[in-house]
Protein backbone atom coordinates (compact mmCIF):
# COMPACT_ATOMS: atom_id res chain seq x y z
CA GLN A 1 -30.50 -9.69 -5.94
CA VAL A 2 -29.53 -6.35 -4.49
CA GLN A 3 -29.57 -3.21 -6.60
CA LEU A 4 -27.29 -0.38 -5.53
CA VAL A 5 -27.64 3.17 -6.84
CA GLN A 6 -25.00 5.71 -5.94
CA SER A 7 -25.11 9.47 -5.73
CA GLY A 8 -22.57 12.13 -4.88
CA GLY A 9 -19.01 12.54 -6.05
CA GLY A 10 -17.49 15.12 -8.33
CA LEU A 11 -14.53 17.46 -8.55
CA VAL A 12 -13.24 19.06 -5.35
CA GLN A 13 -10.06 20.68 -4.10
CA ALA A 14 -7.63 19.15 -1.66
CA GLY A 15 -8.87 19.61 1.89
CA ASP A 16 -12.53 19.65 0.90
CA SER A 17 -15.19 17.21 2.02
CA LEU A 18 -17.58 15.11 -0.01
CA ARG A 19 -20.36 12.68 0.79
CA LEU A 20 -21.29 9.62 -1.21
CA SER A 21 -24.60 7.82 -0.81
CA CYS A 22 -25.71 4.39 -1.90
CA ALA A 23 -29.38 3.40 -1.94
CA ALA A 24 -30.16 -0.30 -1.91
CA SER A 25 -33.23 -2.15 -3.07
CA GLY A 26 -34.15 -5.76 -3.46
CA ARG A 27 -33.23 -8.11 -0.66
CA THR A 28 -33.01 -7.13 2.98
CA PHE A 29 -30.30 -4.52 3.23
CA SER A 30 -29.49 -5.29 6.86
CA ASN A 31 -28.48 -8.84 5.90
CA TYR A 32 -25.43 -7.62 4.00
CA ASP A 33 -22.04 -6.30 4.90
CA MET A 34 -21.38 -3.12 2.97
CA GLY A 35 -18.26 -1.45 1.71
CA TRP A 36 -16.84 1.35 -0.36
CA ILE A 37 -14.27 0.28 -2.91
CA ARG A 38 -11.98 2.69 -4.67
CA HIS A 39 -10.32 2.18 -8.02
CA GLY A 40 -7.68 4.83 -8.46
CA PRO A 41 -5.92 5.55 -11.76
CA GLY A 42 -3.26 2.93 -12.35
CA LYS A 43 -4.01 1.25 -9.04
CA GLU A 44 -5.62 -1.94 -7.85
CA ARG A 45 -9.11 -1.80 -6.40
CA GLU A 46 -9.05 -1.34 -2.66
CA ILE A 47 -11.69 -1.38 0.00
CA VAL A 48 -11.41 1.96 1.78
CA ALA A 49 -14.19 1.41 4.30
CA GLY A 50 -16.47 -1.39 5.37
CA ILE A 51 -19.44 -1.55 7.71
CA PHE A 52 -20.66 -4.97 8.67
CA ARG A 53 -24.08 -6.21 9.68
CA SER A 54 -23.06 -5.93 13.30
CA GLY A 55 -22.33 -2.22 12.84
CA GLU A 56 -18.59 -2.81 13.16
CA LYS A 57 -16.58 -0.45 10.97
CA HIS A 58 -13.18 -0.83 9.36
CA TYR A 59 -11.04 1.55 7.37
CA ALA A 60 -8.00 1.33 5.16
CA ASP A 61 -4.97 2.98 6.72
CA SER A 62 -4.91 5.51 3.91
CA VAL A 63 -8.28 6.97 4.94
CA LYS A 64 -8.40 6.28 8.66
CA GLY A 65 -9.28 9.40 10.59
CA ARG A 66 -10.57 11.17 7.46
CA PHE A 67 -13.40 9.00 6.11
CA ILE A 68 -16.52 7.92 7.94
CA ILE A 69 -18.76 5.10 6.80
CA ALA A 70 -22.32 4.77 8.00
CA ARG A 71 -25.46 2.87 7.19
CA ASP A 72 -29.12 3.51 7.84
CA ASN A 73 -30.94 0.19 7.66
CA ALA A 74 -34.32 1.90 7.93
CA LYS A 75 -33.54 3.84 4.75
CA ASN A 76 -31.59 1.03 3.06
CA THR A 77 -28.77 3.47 2.50
CA GLU A 78 -25.03 3.49 3.00
CA TYR A 79 -22.91 6.62 3.23
CA LEU A 80 -19.29 7.60 2.96
CA LEU A 81 -18.27 10.97 4.33
CA MET A 82 -14.85 11.93 3.04
CA ASN A 83 -13.02 14.73 4.83
CA SER A 84 -9.64 16.34 4.25
CA LEU A 85 -9.52 14.93 0.76
CA LYS A 86 -6.18 14.43 -0.89
CA SER A 87 -5.19 14.06 -4.53
CA GLU A 88 -4.45 10.39 -3.89
CA ASP A 89 -8.12 9.89 -3.01
CA THR A 90 -8.96 10.41 -6.67
CA GLY A 91 -10.68 7.47 -8.29
CA VAL A 92 -13.95 5.77 -9.04
CA TYR A 93 -15.78 4.82 -5.88
CA TYR A 94 -18.15 1.88 -5.76
CA CYS A 95 -20.51 0.89 -3.02
CA ALA A 96 -20.78 -2.86 -2.73
CA ALA A 97 -22.57 -5.52 -0.74
CA THR A 98 -21.51 -8.97 0.32
CA SER A 99 -23.20 -11.86 2.05
CA TYR A 100 -19.88 -13.63 2.67
CA GLY A 101 -19.33 -11.90 5.96
CA SER A 102 -16.68 -9.47 7.16
CA SER A 103 -14.63 -9.63 3.98
CA TRP A 104 -11.82 -7.25 3.07
CA ASN A 105 -11.49 -8.74 -0.40
CA PRO A 106 -13.24 -6.82 -3.20
CA ASP A 107 -13.77 -10.09 -5.08
CA ASP A 108 -16.10 -11.27 -2.32
CA TYR A 109 -18.52 -8.40 -2.92
CA GLU A 110 -21.39 -9.73 -5.02
CA TYR A 111 -23.34 -6.58 -5.73
CA TRP A 112 -21.91 -3.28 -6.91
CA GLY A 113 -23.20 0.21 -7.54
CA GLN A 114 -22.62 1.95 -10.83
CA GLY A 115 -19.55 3.81 -9.58
CA THR A 116 -18.98 7.51 -9.13
CA GLN A 117 -15.93 9.55 -10.01
CA VAL A 118 -14.21 11.53 -7.28
CA THR A 119 -11.47 13.86 -8.44
CA VAL A 120 -9.40 15.82 -5.96
CA SER A 121 -7.30 18.61 -7.38
CA SER A 122 -4.24 19.74 -5.46
């Protein structure tokens, strides 16, 4: 089992920055691929950023160039730095972990944080 506890989020204005954190406990954090999954109002869940065990990073086109994902295996923590936020970035953000390997499918993520609301006002 992996327990994920998120922090960060809130209400910001368009163009602002925000950082989300996700602290993991339980099994060895470095053995999991990690991701940030967004569930916007009236939208399907989408993975906006993923960082794999290898350190390889991937981003959804909608956030590429604006969001940065990082992980610190020594601290068992994952981060998402969100810059130049837009109203369409509004949603509940979940950190998630998967042992399936390099997946871009939210259904493959076995462990999820509690979710944090990010609201961007225009």
